[in-house]
Amino acid sequence: MARIPTYDIPQGDTRNVSVDFTSTASDFGVSVSSAIWSREEGTTVSLAGSVATSSNVTTESVVAGASRKGCTLIKVQATMSDAQTVSKYFRLNVVDPIC
């Protein structure tokens, strides 16, 4: 099983996070039509619901809770131009920016 990558984000920050599906799309000879971002576990990060997809890269604005620390597992499910779906996962670890 592949290890799920984890990225730190300071409490209270809002960031645009991108997931690149270029290699997957190239392998299948397709392109990304749309993407859905969701929280699978944890509540330390909110998704703004402003998904943008361009050139096989999908971007979403994420907001780290101002008073919570810990991990949230994010799932990004891309729908390809041939209707198949591909998912990628990562964790956002909300950390205290002072420590």
PDB file of N, CA and C in Angstrom:
ATOM      1  N   MET A   1       0.843  -1.182   0.000  1.00  0.00           N
ATOM      2  CA  MET A   1       0.000   0.000   0.000  1.00  0.00           C
ATOM      3  C   MET A   1       0.888   1.245   0.000  1.00  0.00           C
ATOM      4  N   ALA A   2       0.563   2.195  -0.851  1.00  0.00           N
ATOM      5  CA  ALA A   2       1.333   3.428  -0.955  1.00  0.00           C
ATOM      6  C   ALA A   2       1.117   4.297   0.276  1.00  0.00           C
ATOM      7  N   ARG A   3       2.157   4.965   0.663  1.00  0.00           N
ATOM      8  CA  ARG A   3       2.073   5.882   1.797  1.00  0.00           C
ATOM      9  C   ARG A   3       1.355   7.164   1.358  1.00  0.00           C
ATOM     10  N   ILE A   4       0.454   7.636   2.196  1.00  0.00           N
ATOM     11  CA  ILE A   4      -0.296   8.859   1.891  1.00  0.00           C
ATOM     12  C   ILE A   4       0.551  10.062   2.302  1.00  0.00           C
ATOM     13  N   PRO A   5       0.824  10.986   1.374  1.00  0.00           N
ATOM     14  CA  PRO A   5       1.638  12.153   1.724  1.00  0.00           C
ATOM     15  C   PRO A   5       0.915  13.082   2.702  1.00  0.00           C
ATOM     16  N   THR A   6       1.702  13.725   3.555  1.00  0.00           N
ATOM     17  CA  THR A   6       1.173  14.670   4.545  1.00  0.00           C
ATOM     18  C   THR A   6       1.893  16.004   4.393  1.00  0.00           C
ATOM     19  N   TYR A   7       1.116  17.089   4.421  1.00  0.00           N
ATOM     20  CA  TYR A   7       1.665  18.436   4.293  1.00  0.00           C
ATOM     21  C   TYR A   7       1.184  19.279   5.465  1.00  0.00           C
ATOM     22  N   ASP A   8       2.081  20.077   6.030  1.00  0.00           N
ATOM     23  CA  ASP A   8       1.726  20.963   7.139  1.00  0.00           C
ATOM     24  C   ASP A   8       1.104  22.252   6.615  1.00  0.00           C
ATOM     25  N   ILE A   9       0.137  22.759   7.370  1.00  0.00           N
ATOM     26  CA  ILE A   9      -0.485  24.054   7.092  1.00  0.00           C
ATOM     27  C   ILE A   9      -0.719  24.732   8.446  1.00  0.00           C
ATOM     28  N   PRO A  10      -0.299  25.990   8.608  1.00  0.00           N
ATOM     29  CA  PRO A  10      -0.477  26.682   9.887  1.00  0.00           C
ATOM     30  C   PRO A  10      -1.948  26.956  10.208  1.00  0.00           C
ATOM     31  N   GLN A  11      -2.265  26.965  11.493  1.00  0.00           N
ATOM     32  CA  GLN A  11      -3.621  27.295  11.939  1.00  0.00           C
ATOM     33  C   GLN A  11      -4.042  28.636  11.351  1.00  0.00           C
ATOM     34  N   GLY A  12      -5.294  28.694  10.911  1.00  0.00           N
ATOM     35  CA  GLY A  12      -5.860  29.957  10.431  1.00  0.00           C
ATOM     36  C   GLY A  12      -5.510  30.320   8.998  1.00  0.00           C
ATOM     37  N   ASP A  13      -4.635  29.556   8.346  1.00  0.00           N
ATOM     38  CA  ASP A  13      -4.250  29.873   6.970  1.00  0.00           C
ATOM     39  C   ASP A  13      -5.296  29.411   5.961  1.00  0.00           C
ATOM     40  N   THR A  14      -5.387  30.149   4.871  1.00  0.00           N
ATOM     41  CA  THR A  14      -6.170  29.739   3.704  1.00  0.00           C
ATOM     42  C   THR A  14      -5.187  29.597   2.556  1.00  0.00           C
ATOM     43  N   ARG A  15      -5.222  28.443   1.888  1.00  0.00           N
ATOM     44  CA  ARG A  15      -4.279  28.196   0.797  1.00  0.00           C
ATOM     45  C   ARG A  15      -4.973  27.524  -0.372  1.00  0.00           C
ATOM     46  N   ASN A  16      -4.477  27.829  -1.555  1.00  0.00           N
ATOM     47  CA  ASN A  16      -4.898  27.095  -2.743  1.00  0.00           C
ATOM     48  C   ASN A  16      -3.993  25.878  -2.855  1.00  0.00           C
ATOM     49  N   VAL A  17      -4.594  24.708  -2.910  1.00  0.00           N
ATOM     50  CA  VAL A  17      -3.864  23.449  -3.006  1.00  0.00           C
ATOM     51  C   VAL A  17      -4.198  22.820  -4.356  1.00  0.00           C
ATOM     52  N   SER A  18      -3.172  22.342  -5.048  1.00  0.00           N
ATOM     53  CA  SER A  18      -3.363  21.743  -6.366  1.00  0.00           C
ATOM     54  C   SER A  18      -2.956  20.279  -6.370  1.00  0.00           C
ATOM     55  N   VAL A  19      -3.679  19.490  -7.157  1.00  0.00           N
ATOM     56  CA  VAL A  19      -3.361  18.085  -7.373  1.00  0.00           C
ATOM     57  C   VAL A  19      -3.240  17.882  -8.876  1.00  0.00           C
ATOM     58  N   ASP A  20      -2.121  17.311  -9.286  1.00  0.00           N
ATOM     59  CA  ASP A  20      -1.804  17.145 -10.702  1.00  0.00           C
ATOM     60  C   ASP A  20      -2.103  15.714 -11.156  1.00  0.00           C
ATOM     61  N   PHE A  21      -2.990  15.592 -12.114  1.00  0.00           N
ATOM     62  CA  PHE A  21      -3.347  14.297 -12.693  1.00  0.00           C
ATOM     63  C   PHE A  21      -2.744  14.115 -14.090  1.00  0.00           C
ATOM     64  N   THR A  22      -1.753  14.919 -14.449  1.00  0.00           N
ATOM     65  CA  THR A  22      -1.195  14.891 -15.798  1.00  0.00           C
ATOM     66  C   THR A  22      -0.647  13.523 -16.185  1.00  0.00           C
ATOM     67  N   SER A  23       0.137  12.891 -15.304  1.00  0.00           N
ATOM     68  CA  SER A  23       0.733  11.601 -15.681  1.00  0.00           C
ATOM     69  C   SER A  23      -0.341  10.522 -15.846  1.00  0.00           C
ATOM     70  N   THR A  24      -1.352  10.539 -14.980  1.00  0.00           N
ATOM     71  CA  THR A  24      -2.448   9.563 -15.099  1.00  0.00           C
ATOM     72  C   THR A  24      -3.227   9.792 -16.394  1.00  0.00           C
ATOM     73  N   ALA A  25      -3.556  11.041 -16.670  1.00  0.00           N
ATOM     74  CA  ALA A  25      -4.291  11.359 -17.892  1.00  0.00           C
ATOM     75  C   ALA A  25      -3.490  10.965 -19.124  1.00  0.00           C
ATOM     76  N   SER A  26      -2.199  11.207 -19.089  1.00  0.00           N
ATOM     77  CA  SER A  26      -1.324  10.847 -20.207  1.00  0.00           C
ATOM     78  C   SER A  26      -1.270   9.334 -20.401  1.00  0.00           C
ATOM     79  N   ASP A  27      -1.165   8.601 -19.296  1.00  0.00           N
ATOM     80  CA  ASP A  27      -1.133   7.129 -19.370  1.00  0.00           C
ATOM     81  C   ASP A  27      -2.388   6.573 -20.036  1.00  0.00           C
ATOM     82  N   PHE A  28      -3.536   7.180 -19.759  1.00  0.00           N
ATOM     83  CA  PHE A  28      -4.809   6.705 -20.317  1.00  0.00           C
ATOM     84  C   PHE A  28      -5.174   7.375 -21.650  1.00  0.00           C
ATOM     85  N   GLY A  29      -4.395   8.384 -22.039  1.00  0.00           N
ATOM     86  CA  GLY A  29      -4.699   9.096 -23.272  1.00  0.00           C
ATOM     87  C   GLY A  29      -5.968   9.920 -23.201  1.00  0.00           C
ATOM     88  N   VAL A  30      -6.235  10.476 -22.008  1.00  0.00           N
ATOM     89  CA  VAL A  30      -7.446  11.265 -21.776  1.00  0.00           C
ATOM     90  C   VAL A  30      -7.066  12.565 -21.079  1.00  0.00           C
ATOM     91  N   SER A  31      -8.060  13.330 -20.696  1.00  0.00           N
ATOM     92  CA  SER A  31      -7.841  14.535 -19.898  1.00  0.00           C
ATOM     93  C   SER A  31      -8.844  14.565 -18.751  1.00  0.00           C
ATOM     94  N   VAL A  32      -8.573  15.422 -17.762  1.00  0.00           N
ATOM     95  CA  VAL A  32      -9.475  15.559 -16.621  1.00  0.00           C
ATOM     96  C   VAL A  32     -10.635  16.473 -17.015  1.00  0.00           C
ATOM     97  N   SER A  33     -11.850  15.979 -16.827  1.00  0.00           N
ATOM     98  CA  SER A  33     -13.052  16.771 -17.132  1.00  0.00           C
ATOM     99  C   SER A  33     -13.519  17.567 -15.926  1.00  0.00           C
ATOM    100  N   SER A  34     -13.446  16.929 -14.740  1.00  0.00           N
ATOM    101  CA  SER A  34     -13.902  17.584 -13.518  1.00  0.00           C
ATOM    102  C   SER A  34     -13.258  16.894 -12.325  1.00  0.00           C
ATOM    103  N   ALA A  35     -13.406  17.509 -11.158  1.00  0.00           N
ATOM    104  CA  ALA A  35     -12.853  16.922  -9.938  1.00  0.00           C
ATOM    105  C   ALA A  35     -13.745  17.263  -8.753  1.00  0.00           C
ATOM    106  N   ILE A  36     -13.778  16.340  -7.807  1.00  0.00           N
ATOM    107  CA  ILE A  36     -14.515  16.534  -6.558  1.00  0.00           C
ATOM    108  C   ILE A  36     -13.535  16.368  -5.414  1.00  0.00           C
ATOM    109  N   TRP A  37     -13.491  17.351  -4.526  1.00  0.00           N
ATOM    110  CA  TRP A  37     -12.654  17.302  -3.332  1.00  0.00           C
ATOM    111  C   TRP A  37     -13.551  16.991  -2.139  1.00  0.00           C
ATOM    112  N   SER A  38     -13.065  16.130  -1.234  1.00  0.00           N
ATOM    113  CA  SER A  38     -13.859  15.822  -0.042  1.00  0.00           C
ATOM    114  C   SER A  38     -12.935  15.520   1.142  1.00  0.00           C
ATOM    115  N   ARG A  39     -13.480  15.760   2.335  1.00  0.00           N
ATOM    116  CA  ARG A  39     -12.786  15.372   3.575  1.00  0.00           C
ATOM    117  C   ARG A  39     -13.218  13.957   3.891  1.00  0.00           C
ATOM    118  N   GLU A  40     -12.263  13.062   4.038  1.00  0.00           N
ATOM    119  CA  GLU A  40     -12.574  11.673   4.352  1.00  0.00           C
ATOM    120  C   GLU A  40     -12.479  11.413   5.852  1.00  0.00           C
ATOM    121  N   GLU A  41     -11.562  12.082   6.529  1.00  0.00           N
ATOM    122  CA  GLU A  41     -11.382  11.966   7.980  1.00  0.00           C
ATOM    123  C   GLU A  41     -10.892  13.306   8.507  1.00  0.00           C
ATOM    124  N   GLY A  42     -11.286  13.626   9.730  1.00  0.00           N
ATOM    125  CA  GLY A  42     -10.798  14.841  10.371  1.00  0.00           C
ATOM    126  C   GLY A  42     -11.625  16.059  10.031  1.00  0.00           C
ATOM    127  N   THR A  43     -11.513  17.064  10.886  1.00  0.00           N
ATOM    128  CA  THR A  43     -12.289  18.297  10.706  1.00  0.00           C
ATOM    129  C   THR A  43     -11.440  19.544  10.921  1.00  0.00           C
ATOM    130  N   THR A  44     -10.111  19.409  10.847  1.00  0.00           N
ATOM    131  CA  THR A  44      -9.259  20.574  11.086  1.00  0.00           C
ATOM    132  C   THR A  44      -9.132  21.472   9.867  1.00  0.00           C
ATOM    133  N   VAL A  45      -9.603  21.008   8.712  1.00  0.00           N
ATOM    134  CA  VAL A  45      -9.524  21.770   7.467  1.00  0.00           C
ATOM    135  C   VAL A  45     -10.908  21.810   6.824  1.00  0.00           C
ATOM    136  N   SER A  46     -11.270  22.970   6.286  1.00  0.00           N
ATOM    137  CA  SER A  46     -12.515  23.114   5.525  1.00  0.00           C
ATOM    138  C   SER A  46     -12.175  23.315   4.059  1.00  0.00           C
ATOM    139  N   LEU A  47     -13.050  22.834   3.197  1.00  0.00           N
ATOM    140  CA  LEU A  47     -12.902  23.051   1.767  1.00  0.00           C
ATOM    141  C   LEU A  47     -13.853  24.162   1.356  1.00  0.00           C
ATOM    142  N   ALA A  48     -13.340  25.133   0.608  1.00  0.00           N
ATOM    143  CA  ALA A  48     -14.133  26.312   0.266  1.00  0.00           C
ATOM    144  C   ALA A  48     -15.173  26.032  -0.811  1.00  0.00           C
ATOM    145  N   GLY A  49     -15.017  24.942  -1.561  1.00  0.00           N
ATOM    146  CA  GLY A  49     -15.981  24.635  -2.621  1.00  0.00           C
ATOM    147  C   GLY A  49     -15.730  25.414  -3.892  1.00  0.00           C
ATOM    148  N   SER A  50     -14.500  25.878  -4.064  1.00  0.00           N
ATOM    149  CA  SER A  50     -14.157  26.670  -5.254  1.00  0.00           C
ATOM    150  C   SER A  50     -13.196  25.901  -6.154  1.00  0.00           C
ATOM    151  N   VAL A  51     -13.588  24.692  -6.551  1.00  0.00           N
ATOM    152  CA  VAL A  51     -12.727  23.828  -7.352  1.00  0.00           C
ATOM    153  C   VAL A  51     -12.557  24.403  -8.759  1.00  0.00           C
ATOM    154  N   ALA A  52     -11.296  24.439  -9.198  1.00  0.00           N
ATOM    155  CA  ALA A  52     -10.977  24.836 -10.569  1.00  0.00           C
ATOM    156  C   ALA A  52     -10.130  23.728 -11.183  1.00  0.00           C
ATOM    157  N   THR A  53     -10.396  23.397 -12.442  1.00  0.00           N
ATOM    158  CA  THR A  53      -9.640  22.363 -13.127  1.00  0.00           C
ATOM    159  C   THR A  53      -9.192  22.896 -14.481  1.00  0.00           C
ATOM    160  N   SER A  54      -7.875  22.775 -14.742  1.00  0.00           N
ATOM    161  CA  SER A  54      -7.307  23.235 -15.998  1.00  0.00           C
ATOM    162  C   SER A  54      -6.053  22.437 -16.306  1.00  0.00           C
ATOM    163  N   SER A  55      -5.912  21.983 -17.531  1.00  0.00           N
ATOM    164  CA  SER A  55      -4.713  21.254 -17.977  1.00  0.00           C
ATOM    165  C   SER A  55      -4.373  20.087 -17.064  1.00  0.00           C
ATOM    166  N   ASN A  56      -5.383  19.321 -16.671  1.00  0.00           N
ATOM    167  CA  ASN A  56      -5.236  18.120 -15.832  1.00  0.00           C
ATOM    168  C   ASN A  56      -4.787  18.399 -14.404  1.00  0.00           C
ATOM    169  N   VAL A  57      -4.873  19.659 -13.972  1.00  0.00           N
ATOM    170  CA  VAL A  57      -4.555  20.045 -12.600  1.00  0.00           C
ATOM    171  C   VAL A  57      -5.816  20.616 -11.972  1.00  0.00           C
ATOM    172  N   THR A  58      -6.145  20.131 -10.781  1.00  0.00           N
ATOM    173  CA  THR A  58      -7.321  20.639 -10.072  1.00  0.00           C
ATOM    174  C   THR A  58      -6.865  21.372  -8.814  1.00  0.00           C
ATOM    175  N   THR A  59      -7.505  22.492  -8.528  1.00  0.00           N
ATOM    176  CA  THR A  59      -7.113  23.351  -7.415  1.00  0.00           C
ATOM    177  C   THR A  59      -8.336  23.666  -6.564  1.00  0.00           C
ATOM    178  N   GLU A  60      -8.134  23.670  -5.257  1.00  0.00           N
ATOM    179  CA  GLU A  60      -9.199  23.992  -4.302  1.00  0.00           C
ATOM    180  C   GLU A  60      -8.612  24.881  -3.210  1.00  0.00           C
ATOM    181  N   SER A  61      -9.428  25.774  -2.688  1.00  0.00           N
ATOM    182  CA  SER A  61      -9.032  26.614  -1.570  1.00  0.00           C
ATOM    183  C   SER A  61      -9.359  25.879  -0.271  1.00  0.00           C
ATOM    184  N   VAL A  62      -8.349  25.708   0.588  1.00  0.00           N
ATOM    185  CA  VAL A  62      -8.548  25.037   1.867  1.00  0.00           C
ATOM    186  C   VAL A  62      -8.280  26.011   3.003  1.00  0.00           C
ATOM    187  N   VAL A  63      -9.047  25.869   4.075  1.00  0.00           N
ATOM    188  CA  VAL A  63      -8.944  26.753   5.229  1.00  0.00           C
ATOM    189  C   VAL A  63      -8.621  25.908   6.455  1.00  0.00           C
ATOM    190  N   ALA A  64      -7.499  26.211   7.098  1.00  0.00           N
ATOM    191  CA  ALA A  64      -7.115  25.511   8.324  1.00  0.00           C
ATOM    192  C   ALA A  64      -7.811  26.161   9.506  1.00  0.00           C
ATOM    193  N   GLY A  65      -8.372  25.351  10.381  1.00  0.00           N
ATOM    194  CA  GLY A  65      -9.046  25.873  11.566  1.00  0.00           C
ATOM    195  C   GLY A  65      -8.115  26.727  12.418  1.00  0.00           C
ATOM    196  N   ALA A  66      -8.646  27.806  12.961  1.00  0.00           N
ATOM    197  CA  ALA A  66      -7.827  28.717  13.751  1.00  0.00           C
ATOM    198  C   ALA A  66      -7.547  28.197  15.157  1.00  0.00           C
ATOM    199  N   SER A  67      -8.383  27.300  15.659  1.00  0.00           N
ATOM    200  CA  SER A  67      -8.215  26.856  17.046  1.00  0.00           C
ATOM    201  C   SER A  67      -8.007  25.350  17.172  1.00  0.00           C
ATOM    202  N   ARG A  68      -7.841  24.660  16.055  1.00  0.00           N
ATOM    203  CA  ARG A  68      -7.661  23.205  16.101  1.00  0.00           C
ATOM    204  C   ARG A  68      -6.337  22.815  15.475  1.00  0.00           C
ATOM    205  N   LYS A  69      -5.769  21.735  15.968  1.00  0.00           N
ATOM    206  CA  LYS A  69      -4.569  21.152  15.373  1.00  0.00           C
ATOM    207  C   LYS A  69      -4.867  19.697  15.055  1.00  0.00           C
ATOM    208  N   GLY A  70      -4.142  19.141  14.083  1.00  0.00           N
ATOM    209  CA  GLY A  70      -4.298  17.739  13.737  1.00  0.00           C
ATOM    210  C   GLY A  70      -4.475  17.544  12.249  1.00  0.00           C
ATOM    211  N   CYS A  71      -4.708  16.290  11.872  1.00  0.00           N
ATOM    212  CA  CYS A  71      -4.753  15.902  10.453  1.00  0.00           C
ATOM    213  C   CYS A  71      -6.169  15.770   9.920  1.00  0.00           C
ATOM    214  N   THR A  72      -6.288  16.098   8.638  1.00  0.00           N
ATOM    215  CA  THR A  72      -7.500  15.841   7.874  1.00  0.00           C
ATOM    216  C   THR A  72      -7.081  15.120   6.602  1.00  0.00           C
ATOM    217  N   LEU A  73      -7.758  14.013   6.309  1.00  0.00           N
ATOM    218  CA  LEU A  73      -7.498  13.259   5.091  1.00  0.00           C
ATOM    219  C   LEU A  73      -8.385  13.809   3.979  1.00  0.00           C
ATOM    220  N   ILE A  74      -7.746  14.189   2.876  1.00  0.00           N
ATOM    221  CA  ILE A  74      -8.446  14.761   1.729  1.00  0.00           C
ATOM    222  C   ILE A  74      -8.421  13.757   0.577  1.00  0.00           C
ATOM    223  N   LYS A  75      -9.576  13.600  -0.080  1.00  0.00           N
ATOM    224  CA  LYS A  75      -9.686  12.771  -1.283  1.00  0.00           C
ATOM    225  C   LYS A  75     -10.022  13.689  -2.449  1.00  0.00           C
ATOM    226  N   VAL A  76      -9.292  13.518  -3.549  1.00  0.00           N
ATOM    227  CA  VAL A  76      -9.588  14.255  -4.773  1.00  0.00           C
ATOM    228  C   VAL A  76      -9.906  13.215  -5.846  1.00  0.00           C
ATOM    229  N   GLN A  77     -11.138  13.241  -6.310  1.00  0.00           N
ATOM    230  CA  GLN A  77     -11.571  12.283  -7.328  1.00  0.00           C
ATOM    231  C   GLN A  77     -11.756  13.017  -8.651  1.00  0.00           C
ATOM    232  N   ALA A  78     -10.932  12.647  -9.625  1.00  0.00           N
ATOM    233  CA  ALA A  78     -11.008  13.258 -10.955  1.00  0.00           C
ATOM    234  C   ALA A  78     -11.812  12.363 -11.882  1.00  0.00           C
ATOM    235  N   THR A  79     -12.691  12.969 -12.647  1.00  0.00           N
ATOM    236  CA  THR A  79     -13.403  12.263 -13.698  1.00  0.00           C
ATOM    237  C   THR A  79     -12.711  12.600 -15.013  1.00  0.00           C
ATOM    238  N   MET A  80     -12.293  11.550 -15.710  1.00  0.00           N
ATOM    239  CA  MET A  80     -11.580  11.726 -16.964  1.00  0.00           C
ATOM    240  C   MET A  80     -12.563  11.910 -18.119  1.00  0.00           C
ATOM    241  N   SER A  81     -12.045  12.336 -19.262  1.00  0.00           N
ATOM    242  CA  SER A  81     -12.897  12.604 -20.422  1.00  0.00           C
ATOM    243  C   SER A  81     -13.586  11.350 -20.961  1.00  0.00           C
ATOM    244  N   ASP A  82     -13.096  10.163 -20.581  1.00  0.00           N
ATOM    245  CA  ASP A  82     -13.763   8.923 -20.997  1.00  0.00           C
ATOM    246  C   ASP A  82     -14.673   8.373 -19.898  1.00  0.00           C
ATOM    247  N   ALA A  83     -14.937   9.173 -18.872  1.00  0.00           N
ATOM    248  CA  ALA A  83     -15.858   8.883 -17.758  1.00  0.00           C
ATOM    249  C   ALA A  83     -15.284   8.002 -16.658  1.00  0.00           C
ATOM    250  N   GLN A  84     -14.052   7.504 -16.783  1.00  0.00           N
ATOM    251  CA  GLN A  84     -13.482   6.761 -15.659  1.00  0.00           C
ATOM    252  C   GLN A  84     -13.030   7.743 -14.580  1.00  0.00           C
ATOM    253  N   THR A  85     -12.954   7.263 -13.346  1.00  0.00           N
ATOM    254  CA  THR A  85     -12.556   8.118 -12.234  1.00  0.00           C
ATOM    255  C   THR A  85     -11.242   7.617 -11.637  1.00  0.00           C
ATOM    256  N   VAL A  86     -10.454   8.568 -11.164  1.00  0.00           N
ATOM    257  CA  VAL A  86      -9.171   8.294 -10.528  1.00  0.00           C
ATOM    258  C   VAL A  86      -9.120   9.139  -9.262  1.00  0.00           C
ATOM    259  N   SER A  87      -8.712   8.521  -8.146  1.00  0.00           N
ATOM    260  CA  SER A  87      -8.652   9.248  -6.868  1.00  0.00           C
ATOM    261  C   SER A  87      -7.221   9.359  -6.365  1.00  0.00           C
ATOM    262  N   LYS A  88      -6.934  10.484  -5.736  1.00  0.00           N
ATOM    263  CA  LYS A  88      -5.670  10.691  -5.028  1.00  0.00           C
ATOM    264  C   LYS A  88      -6.014  11.168  -3.625  1.00  0.00           C
ATOM    265  N   TYR A  89      -5.163  10.780  -2.667  1.00  0.00           N
ATOM    266  CA  TYR A  89      -5.369  11.132  -1.266  1.00  0.00           C
ATOM    267  C   TYR A  89      -4.137  11.837  -0.721  1.00  0.00           C
ATOM    268  N   PHE A  90      -4.365  12.743   0.230  1.00  0.00           N
ATOM    269  CA  PHE A  90      -3.265  13.347   0.983  1.00  0.00           C
ATOM    270  C   PHE A  90      -3.822  13.852   2.306  1.00  0.00           C
ATOM    271  N   ARG A  91      -2.922  14.091   3.246  1.00  0.00           N
ATOM    272  CA  ARG A  91      -3.313  14.632   4.556  1.00  0.00           C
ATOM    273  C   ARG A  91      -2.796  16.053   4.694  1.00  0.00           C
ATOM    274  N   LEU A  92      -3.620  16.891   5.305  1.00  0.00           N
ATOM    275  CA  LEU A  92      -3.181  18.225   5.708  1.00  0.00           C
ATOM    276  C   LEU A  92      -3.116  18.234   7.224  1.00  0.00           C
ATOM    277  N   ASN A  93      -1.935  18.527   7.743  1.00  0.00           N
ATOM    278  CA  ASN A  93      -1.703  18.551   9.183  1.00  0.00           C
ATOM    279  C   ASN A  93      -1.692  20.006   9.643  1.00  0.00           C
ATOM    280  N   VAL A  94      -2.717  20.406  10.379  1.00  0.00           N
ATOM    281  CA  VAL A  94      -2.800  21.770  10.884  1.00  0.00           C
ATOM    282  C   VAL A  94      -1.899  21.893  12.110  1.00  0.00           C
ATOM    283  N   VAL A  95      -0.950  22.829  12.034  1.00  0.00           N
ATOM    284  CA  VAL A  95       0.049  22.990  13.102  1.00  0.00           C
ATOM    285  C   VAL A  95      -0.022  24.397  13.694  1.00  0.00           C
ATOM    286  N   ASP A  96       0.445  24.521  14.926  1.00  0.00           N
ATOM    287  CA  ASP A  96       0.548  25.813  15.601  1.00  0.00           C
ATOM    288  C   ASP A  96       1.727  26.565  14.989  1.00  0.00           C
ATOM    289  N   PRO A  97       1.487  27.749  14.392  1.00  0.00           N
ATOM    290  CA  PRO A  97       2.584  28.462  13.729  1.00  0.00           C
ATOM    291  C   PRO A  97       3.606  29.056  14.708  1.00  0.00           C
ATOM    292  N   ILE A  98       3.265  29.109  15.979  1.00  0.00           N
ATOM    293  CA  ILE A  98       4.158  29.701  16.978  1.00  0.00           C
ATOM    294  C   ILE A  98       5.214  28.721  17.458  1.00  0.00           C
ATOM    295  N   CYS A  99       4.868  27.430  17.520  1.00  0.00           N
ATOM    296  CA  CYS A  99       5.792  26.420  18.055  1.00  0.00           C
ATOM    297  C   CYS A  99       6.831  26.011  17.057  1.00  0.00           C
TER     298      CYS A  99
END
